[in-house]
PDB file of all heavy atoms in Angstrom:
ATOM      1  N   GLN A   1     -55.824  29.493   2.802  1.00  0.00           N
ATOM      2  CA  GLN A   1     -57.276  29.559   2.901  1.00  0.00           C
ATOM      3  C   GLN A   1     -57.762  30.938   2.462  1.00  0.00           C
ATOM      4  O   GLN A   1     -57.127  31.952   2.763  1.00  0.00           O
ATOM      5  CB  GLN A   1     -57.729  29.298   4.342  1.00  0.00           C
ATOM      6  CG  GLN A   1     -57.416  27.909   4.835  1.00  0.00           C
ATOM      7  CD  GLN A   1     -58.181  26.861   4.053  1.00  0.00           C
ATOM      8  OE1 GLN A   1     -59.354  27.016   3.756  1.00  0.00           O
ATOM      9  NE2 GLN A   1     -57.490  25.785   3.701  1.00  0.00           N
ATOM     10  N   VAL A   2     -58.885  30.985   1.771  1.00  0.00           N
ATOM     11  CA  VAL A   2     -59.461  32.257   1.324  1.00  0.00           C
ATOM     12  C   VAL A   2     -59.827  33.118   2.532  1.00  0.00           C
ATOM     13  O   VAL A   2     -59.706  34.340   2.505  1.00  0.00           O
ATOM     14  CB  VAL A   2     -60.695  32.019   0.425  1.00  0.00           C
ATOM     15  CG1 VAL A   2     -61.377  33.322   0.059  1.00  0.00           C
ATOM     16  CG2 VAL A   2     -60.284  31.269  -0.831  1.00  0.00           C
ATOM     17  N   ALA A   3     -60.197  32.480   3.623  1.00  0.00           N
ATOM     18  CA  ALA A   3     -60.584  33.210   4.837  1.00  0.00           C
ATOM     19  C   ALA A   3     -59.438  34.050   5.397  1.00  0.00           C
ATOM     20  O   ALA A   3     -59.675  35.014   6.131  1.00  0.00           O
ATOM     21  CB  ALA A   3     -61.084  32.239   5.897  1.00  0.00           C
ATOM     22  N   GLN A   4     -58.205  33.741   5.054  1.00  0.00           N
ATOM     23  CA  GLN A   4     -57.068  34.517   5.545  1.00  0.00           C
ATOM     24  C   GLN A   4     -57.013  35.910   4.922  1.00  0.00           C
ATOM     25  O   GLN A   4     -56.301  36.771   5.413  1.00  0.00           O
ATOM     26  CB  GLN A   4     -55.764  33.767   5.303  1.00  0.00           C
ATOM     27  CG  GLN A   4     -55.633  32.541   6.187  1.00  0.00           C
ATOM     28  CD  GLN A   4     -54.343  31.799   5.946  1.00  0.00           C
ATOM     29  OE1 GLN A   4     -53.875  31.678   4.817  1.00  0.00           O
ATOM     30  NE2 GLN A   4     -53.769  31.278   7.005  1.00  0.00           N
ATOM     31  N   LEU A   5     -57.747  36.110   3.839  1.00  0.00           N
ATOM     32  CA  LEU A   5     -57.846  37.451   3.247  1.00  0.00           C
ATOM     33  C   LEU A   5     -58.926  38.277   3.945  1.00  0.00           C
ATOM     34  O   LEU A   5     -59.049  39.463   3.693  1.00  0.00           O
ATOM     35  CB  LEU A   5     -58.149  37.354   1.750  1.00  0.00           C
ATOM     36  CG  LEU A   5     -56.987  36.924   0.884  1.00  0.00           C
ATOM     37  CD1 LEU A   5     -57.479  36.505  -0.482  1.00  0.00           C
ATOM     38  CD2 LEU A   5     -55.997  38.054   0.757  1.00  0.00           C
ATOM     39  N   GLY A   6     -59.722  37.620   4.761  1.00  0.00           N
ATOM     40  CA  GLY A   6     -60.801  38.157   5.566  1.00  0.00           C
ATOM     41  C   GLY A   6     -61.264  39.565   5.331  1.00  0.00           C
ATOM     42  O   GLY A   6     -62.111  39.823   4.486  1.00  0.00           O
ATOM     43  N   ARG A   7     -60.743  40.504   6.053  1.00  0.00           N
ATOM     44  CA  ARG A   7     -61.239  41.876   6.034  1.00  0.00           C
ATOM     45  C   ARG A   7     -60.839  42.657   4.786  1.00  0.00           C
ATOM     46  O   ARG A   7     -61.328  43.746   4.559  1.00  0.00           O
ATOM     47  CB  ARG A   7     -60.799  42.614   7.288  1.00  0.00           C
ATOM     48  CG  ARG A   7     -59.297  42.716   7.444  1.00  0.00           C
ATOM     49  CD  ARG A   7     -58.899  43.527   8.639  1.00  0.00           C
ATOM     50  NE  ARG A   7     -59.093  44.929   8.323  1.00  0.00           N
ATOM     51  CZ  ARG A   7     -59.358  45.863   9.211  1.00  0.00           C
ATOM     52  NH1 ARG A   7     -59.469  45.563  10.449  1.00  0.00           N
ATOM     53  NH2 ARG A   7     -59.497  47.112   8.834  1.00  0.00           N
ATOM     54  N   TRP A   8     -59.950  42.103   3.969  1.00  0.00           N
ATOM     55  CA  TRP A   8     -59.509  42.822   2.772  1.00  0.00           C
ATOM     56  C   TRP A   8     -60.394  42.578   1.569  1.00  0.00           C
ATOM     57  O   TRP A   8     -60.230  43.236   0.547  1.00  0.00           O
ATOM     58  CB  TRP A   8     -58.067  42.431   2.416  1.00  0.00           C
ATOM     59  CG  TRP A   8     -57.073  43.046   3.331  1.00  0.00           C
ATOM     60  CD1 TRP A   8     -56.420  42.445   4.365  1.00  0.00           C
ATOM     61  CD2 TRP A   8     -56.632  44.401   3.332  1.00  0.00           C
ATOM     62  NE1 TRP A   8     -55.599  43.338   4.990  1.00  0.00           N
ATOM     63  CE2 TRP A   8     -55.718  44.552   4.375  1.00  0.00           C
ATOM     64  CE3 TRP A   8     -56.938  45.513   2.541  1.00  0.00           C
ATOM     65  CZ2 TRP A   8     -55.087  45.754   4.653  1.00  0.00           C
ATOM     66  CZ3 TRP A   8     -56.305  46.709   2.813  1.00  0.00           C
ATOM     67  CH2 TRP A   8     -55.397  46.822   3.860  1.00  0.00           C
ATOM     68  N   ILE A   9     -61.319  41.595   1.635  1.00  0.00           N
ATOM     69  CA  ILE A   9     -62.152  41.275   0.486  1.00  0.00           C
ATOM     70  C   ILE A   9     -63.626  41.262   0.872  1.00  0.00           C
ATOM     71  O   ILE A   9     -63.970  41.059   2.026  1.00  0.00           O
ATOM     72  CB  ILE A   9     -61.766  39.909  -0.139  1.00  0.00           C
ATOM     73  CG1 ILE A   9     -61.925  38.768   0.863  1.00  0.00           C
ATOM     74  CG2 ILE A   9     -60.371  39.941  -0.698  1.00  0.00           C
ATOM     75  CD1 ILE A   9     -61.672  37.398   0.290  1.00  0.00           C
ATOM     76  N   THR A  10     -64.477  41.490  -0.118  1.00  0.00           N
ATOM     77  CA  THR A  10     -65.918  41.439   0.102  1.00  0.00           C
ATOM     78  C   THR A  10     -66.389  39.985   0.016  1.00  0.00           C
ATOM     79  O   THR A  10     -65.644  39.101  -0.401  1.00  0.00           O
ATOM     80  CB  THR A  10     -66.670  42.286  -0.939  1.00  0.00           C
ATOM     81  OG1 THR A  10     -66.410  41.747  -2.238  1.00  0.00           O
ATOM     82  CG2 THR A  10     -66.250  43.741  -0.887  1.00  0.00           C
ATOM     83  N   ALA A  11     -67.636  39.756   0.387  1.00  0.00           N
ATOM     84  CA  ALA A  11     -68.200  38.400   0.341  1.00  0.00           C
ATOM     85  C   ALA A  11     -68.251  37.871  -1.093  1.00  0.00           C
ATOM     86  O   ALA A  11     -68.015  36.678  -1.331  1.00  0.00           O
ATOM     87  CB  ALA A  11     -69.585  38.402   0.961  1.00  0.00           C
ATOM     88  N   ASP A  12     -68.557  38.752  -2.055  1.00  0.00           N
ATOM     89  CA  ASP A  12     -68.605  38.330  -3.461  1.00  0.00           C
ATOM     90  C   ASP A  12     -67.239  37.855  -3.942  1.00  0.00           C
ATOM     91  O   ASP A  12     -67.129  36.841  -4.631  1.00  0.00           O
ATOM     92  CB  ASP A  12     -69.093  39.470  -4.357  1.00  0.00           C
ATOM     93  CG  ASP A  12     -70.534  39.844  -4.102  1.00  0.00           C
ATOM     94  OD1 ASP A  12     -71.280  38.987  -3.571  1.00  0.00           O
ATOM     95  OD2 ASP A  12     -70.915  40.985  -4.432  1.00  0.00           O
ATOM     96  N   VAL A  13     -66.197  38.588  -3.594  1.00  0.00           N
ATOM     97  CA  VAL A  13     -64.838  38.212  -3.993  1.00  0.00           C
ATOM     98  C   VAL A  13     -64.451  36.903  -3.318  1.00  0.00           C
ATOM     99  O   VAL A  13     -63.842  36.029  -3.944  1.00  0.00           O
ATOM    100  CB  VAL A  13     -63.834  39.335  -3.648  1.00  0.00           C
ATOM    101  CG1 VAL A  13     -62.409  38.883  -3.877  1.00  0.00           C
ATOM    102  CG2 VAL A  13     -64.138  40.575  -4.474  1.00  0.00           C
ATOM    103  N   SER A  14     -64.818  36.744  -2.072  1.00  0.00           N
ATOM    104  CA  SER A  14     -64.530  35.502  -1.358  1.00  0.00           C
ATOM    105  C   SER A  14     -65.168  34.305  -2.051  1.00  0.00           C
ATOM    106  O   SER A  14     -64.522  33.267  -2.236  1.00  0.00           O
ATOM    107  CB  SER A  14     -65.043  35.612   0.080  1.00  0.00           C
ATOM    108  OG  SER A  14     -64.850  34.417   0.771  1.00  0.00           O
ATOM    109  N   ASP A  15     -66.423  34.446  -2.459  1.00  0.00           N
ATOM    110  CA  ASP A  15     -67.111  33.360  -3.159  1.00  0.00           C
ATOM    111  C   ASP A  15     -66.434  33.028  -4.487  1.00  0.00           C
ATOM    112  O   ASP A  15     -66.258  31.851  -4.836  1.00  0.00           O
ATOM    113  CB  ASP A  15     -68.575  33.719  -3.408  1.00  0.00           C
ATOM    114  CG  ASP A  15     -69.380  33.809  -2.120  1.00  0.00           C
ATOM    115  OD1 ASP A  15     -68.925  33.262  -1.083  1.00  0.00           O
ATOM    116  OD2 ASP A  15     -70.448  34.449  -2.150  1.00  0.00           O
ATOM    117  N   GLU A  16     -66.033  34.060  -5.233  1.00  0.00           N
ATOM    118  CA  GLU A  16     -65.366  33.841  -6.520  1.00  0.00           C
ATOM    119  C   GLU A  16     -64.023  33.136  -6.336  1.00  0.00           C
ATOM    120  O   GLU A  16     -63.697  32.209  -7.081  1.00  0.00           O
ATOM    121  CB  GLU A  16     -65.156  35.171  -7.235  1.00  0.00           C
ATOM    122  CG  GLU A  16     -66.422  35.795  -7.763  1.00  0.00           C
ATOM    123  CD  GLU A  16     -66.182  37.177  -8.352  1.00  0.00           C
ATOM    124  OE1 GLU A  16     -65.018  37.519  -8.634  1.00  0.00           O
ATOM    125  OE2 GLU A  16     -67.171  37.910  -8.522  1.00  0.00           O
ATOM    126  N   LEU A  17     -63.236  33.572  -5.344  1.00  0.00           N
ATOM    127  CA  LEU A  17     -61.934  32.951  -5.099  1.00  0.00           C
ATOM    128  C   LEU A  17     -62.102  31.496  -4.660  1.00  0.00           C
ATOM    129  O   LEU A  17     -61.318  30.629  -5.057  1.00  0.00           O
ATOM    130  CB  LEU A  17     -61.147  33.740  -4.060  1.00  0.00           C
ATOM    131  CG  LEU A  17     -60.625  35.107  -4.492  1.00  0.00           C
ATOM    132  CD1 LEU A  17     -59.912  35.786  -3.333  1.00  0.00           C
ATOM    133  CD2 LEU A  17     -59.707  35.002  -5.690  1.00  0.00           C
ATOM    134  N   ARG A  18     -63.113  31.224  -3.846  1.00  0.00           N
ATOM    135  CA  ARG A  18     -63.358  29.845  -3.413  1.00  0.00           C
ATOM    136  C   ARG A  18     -63.706  28.943  -4.601  1.00  0.00           C
ATOM    137  O   ARG A  18     -63.280  27.793  -4.670  1.00  0.00           O
ATOM    138  CB  ARG A  18     -64.482  29.817  -2.385  1.00  0.00           C
ATOM    139  CG  ARG A  18     -64.023  30.163  -1.003  1.00  0.00           C
ATOM    140  CD  ARG A  18     -65.094  29.866   0.041  1.00  0.00           C
ATOM    141  NE  ARG A  18     -64.575  30.194   1.354  1.00  0.00           N
ATOM    142  CZ  ARG A  18     -64.777  31.354   1.962  1.00  0.00           C
ATOM    143  NH1 ARG A  18     -65.520  32.276   1.396  1.00  0.00           N
ATOM    144  NH2 ARG A  18     -64.245  31.587   3.149  1.00  0.00           N
ATOM    145  N   GLU A  19     -64.495  29.468  -5.539  1.00  0.00           N
ATOM    146  CA  GLU A  19     -64.868  28.673  -6.709  1.00  0.00           C
ATOM    147  C   GLU A  19     -63.648  28.395  -7.588  1.00  0.00           C
ATOM    148  O   GLU A  19     -63.442  27.262  -8.036  1.00  0.00           O
ATOM    149  CB  GLU A  19     -65.954  29.393  -7.517  1.00  0.00           C
ATOM    150  CG  GLU A  19     -66.414  28.654  -8.748  1.00  0.00           C
ATOM    151  CD  GLU A  19     -67.060  27.309  -8.454  1.00  0.00           C
ATOM    152  OE1 GLU A  19     -67.514  27.091  -7.318  1.00  0.00           O
ATOM    153  OE2 GLU A  19     -67.092  26.465  -9.368  1.00  0.00           O
ATOM    154  N   VAL A  20     -62.818  29.395  -7.832  1.00  0.00           N
ATOM    155  CA  VAL A  20     -61.606  29.199  -8.646  1.00  0.00           C
ATOM    156  C   VAL A  20     -60.663  28.236  -7.931  1.00  0.00           C
ATOM    157  O   VAL A  20     -60.047  27.367  -8.560  1.00  0.00           O
ATOM    158  CB  VAL A  20     -60.922  30.551  -8.935  1.00  0.00           C
ATOM    159  CG1 VAL A  20     -59.586  30.353  -9.624  1.00  0.00           C
ATOM    160  CG2 VAL A  20     -61.824  31.433  -9.778  1.00  0.00           C
ATOM    161  N   ARG A  21     -60.563  28.374  -6.612  1.00  0.00           N
ATOM    162  CA  ARG A  21     -59.717  27.476  -5.819  1.00  0.00           C
ATOM    163  C   ARG A  21     -60.202  26.032  -5.959  1.00  0.00           C
ATOM    164  O   ARG A  21     -59.409  25.113  -6.149  1.00  0.00           O
ATOM    165  CB  ARG A  21     -59.740  27.890  -4.357  1.00  0.00           C
ATOM    166  CG  ARG A  21     -59.009  26.939  -3.431  1.00  0.00           C
ATOM    167  CD  ARG A  21     -59.368  27.220  -1.989  1.00  0.00           C
ATOM    168  NE  ARG A  21     -58.859  26.208  -1.117  1.00  0.00           N
ATOM    169  CZ  ARG A  21     -57.706  26.288  -0.463  1.00  0.00           C
ATOM    170  NH1 ARG A  21     -56.956  27.358  -0.607  1.00  0.00           N
ATOM    171  NH2 ARG A  21     -57.311  25.323   0.303  1.00  0.00           N
ATOM    172  N   ARG A  22     -61.512  25.824  -5.852  1.00  0.00           N
ATOM    173  CA  ARG A  22     -62.075  24.480  -5.961  1.00  0.00           C
ATOM    174  C   ARG A  22     -61.704  23.847  -7.304  1.00  0.00           C
ATOM    175  O   ARG A  22     -61.281  22.688  -7.370  1.00  0.00           O
ATOM    176  CB  ARG A  22     -63.581  24.525  -5.796  1.00  0.00           C
ATOM    177  CG  ARG A  22     -64.237  23.158  -5.764  1.00  0.00           C
ATOM    178  CD  ARG A  22     -65.742  23.247  -5.752  1.00  0.00           C
ATOM    179  NE  ARG A  22     -66.279  23.816  -6.990  1.00  0.00           N
ATOM    180  CZ  ARG A  22     -66.400  23.151  -8.140  1.00  0.00           C
ATOM    181  NH1 ARG A  22     -65.988  21.906  -8.221  1.00  0.00           N
ATOM    182  NH2 ARG A  22     -66.909  23.730  -9.199  1.00  0.00           N
ATOM    183  N   LEU A  23     -61.832  24.625  -8.371  1.00  0.00           N
ATOM    184  CA  LEU A  23     -61.504  24.108  -9.704  1.00  0.00           C
ATOM    185  C   LEU A  23     -60.016  23.806  -9.846  1.00  0.00           C
ATOM    186  O   LEU A  23     -59.632  22.782 -10.432  1.00  0.00           O
ATOM    187  CB  LEU A  23     -61.955  25.101 -10.772  1.00  0.00           C
ATOM    188  CG  LEU A  23     -63.464  25.324 -10.883  1.00  0.00           C
ATOM    189  CD1 LEU A  23     -63.761  26.475 -11.826  1.00  0.00           C
ATOM    190  CD2 LEU A  23     -64.158  24.054 -11.314  1.00  0.00           C
ATOM    191  N   ASN A  24     -59.161  24.685  -9.326  1.00  0.00           N
ATOM    192  CA  ASN A  24     -57.712  24.462  -9.420  1.00  0.00           C
ATOM    193  C   ASN A  24     -57.278  23.249  -8.609  1.00  0.00           C
ATOM    194  O   ASN A  24     -56.434  22.461  -9.054  1.00  0.00           O
ATOM    195  CB  ASN A  24     -56.943  25.695  -8.967  1.00  0.00           C
ATOM    196  CG  ASN A  24     -56.808  26.719 -10.055  1.00  0.00           C
ATOM    197  OD1 ASN A  24     -57.007  26.418 -11.232  1.00  0.00           O
ATOM    198  ND2 ASN A  24     -56.487  27.935  -9.684  1.00  0.00           N
ATOM    199  N   VAL A  25     -57.831  23.104  -7.398  1.00  0.00           N
ATOM    200  CA  VAL A  25     -57.471  21.957  -6.564  1.00  0.00           C
ATOM    201  C   VAL A  25     -57.925  20.663  -7.227  1.00  0.00           C
ATOM    202  O   VAL A  25     -57.195  19.666  -7.223  1.00  0.00           O
ATOM    203  CB  VAL A  25     -58.068  22.116  -5.147  1.00  0.00           C
ATOM    204  CG1 VAL A  25     -57.954  20.826  -4.355  1.00  0.00           C
ATOM    205  CG2 VAL A  25     -57.374  23.253  -4.420  1.00  0.00           C
ATOM    206  N   GLU A  26     -59.110  20.669  -7.829  1.00  0.00           N
ATOM    207  CA  GLU A  26     -59.596  19.479  -8.535  1.00  0.00           C
ATOM    208  C   GLU A  26     -58.691  19.136  -9.722  1.00  0.00           C
ATOM    209  O   GLU A  26     -58.320  17.978  -9.925  1.00  0.00           O
ATOM    210  CB  GLU A  26     -61.023  19.714  -9.027  1.00  0.00           C
ATOM    211  CG  GLU A  26     -61.632  18.533  -9.724  1.00  0.00           C
ATOM    212  CD  GLU A  26     -63.062  18.789 -10.173  1.00  0.00           C
ATOM    213  OE1 GLU A  26     -63.686  19.744  -9.679  1.00  0.00           O
ATOM    214  OE2 GLU A  26     -63.535  18.029 -11.036  1.00  0.00           O
ATOM    215  N   ARG A  27     -58.314  20.145 -10.503  1.00  0.00           N
ATOM    216  CA  ARG A  27     -57.433  19.915 -11.642  1.00  0.00           C
ATOM    217  C   ARG A  27     -56.085  19.370 -11.194  1.00  0.00           C
ATOM    218  O   ARG A  27     -55.559  18.414 -11.767  1.00  0.00           O
ATOM    219  CB  ARG A  27     -57.233  21.220 -12.418  1.00  0.00           C
ATOM    220  CG  ARG A  27     -56.271  21.086 -13.602  1.00  0.00           C
ATOM    221  CD  ARG A  27     -55.928  22.419 -14.228  1.00  0.00           C
ATOM    222  NE  ARG A  27     -55.517  23.444 -13.302  1.00  0.00           N
ATOM    223  CZ  ARG A  27     -54.276  23.559 -12.802  1.00  0.00           C
ATOM    224  NH1 ARG A  27     -53.336  22.706 -13.135  1.00  0.00           N
ATOM    225  NH2 ARG A  27     -53.981  24.544 -11.966  1.00  0.00           N
ATOM    226  N   ARG A  28     -55.532  19.939 -10.120  1.00  0.00           N
ATOM    227  CA  ARG A  28     -54.226  19.496  -9.645  1.00  0.00           C
ATOM    228  C   ARG A  28     -54.281  18.080  -9.087  1.00  0.00           C
ATOM    229  O   ARG A  28     -53.318  17.325  -9.209  1.00  0.00           O
ATOM    230  CB  ARG A  28     -53.694  20.472  -8.610  1.00  0.00           C
ATOM    231  CG  ARG A  28     -53.303  21.807  -9.254  1.00  0.00           C
ATOM    232  CD  ARG A  28     -52.842  22.781  -8.248  1.00  0.00           C
ATOM    233  NE  ARG A  28     -51.542  22.347  -7.755  1.00  0.00           N
ATOM    234  CZ  ARG A  28     -50.704  23.125  -7.122  1.00  0.00           C
ATOM    235  NH1 ARG A  28     -51.024  24.383  -6.898  1.00  0.00           N
ATOM    236  NH2 ARG A  28     -49.559  22.684  -6.694  1.00  0.00           N
TER     237      ARG A  28
END
């Protein structure tokens, strides 16, 4: 989960990782 990176990333990075994750999971 992206949330496991919690305090190490900013909200913008979290949003970007979630979007890339969504696309990768859909492709897979």
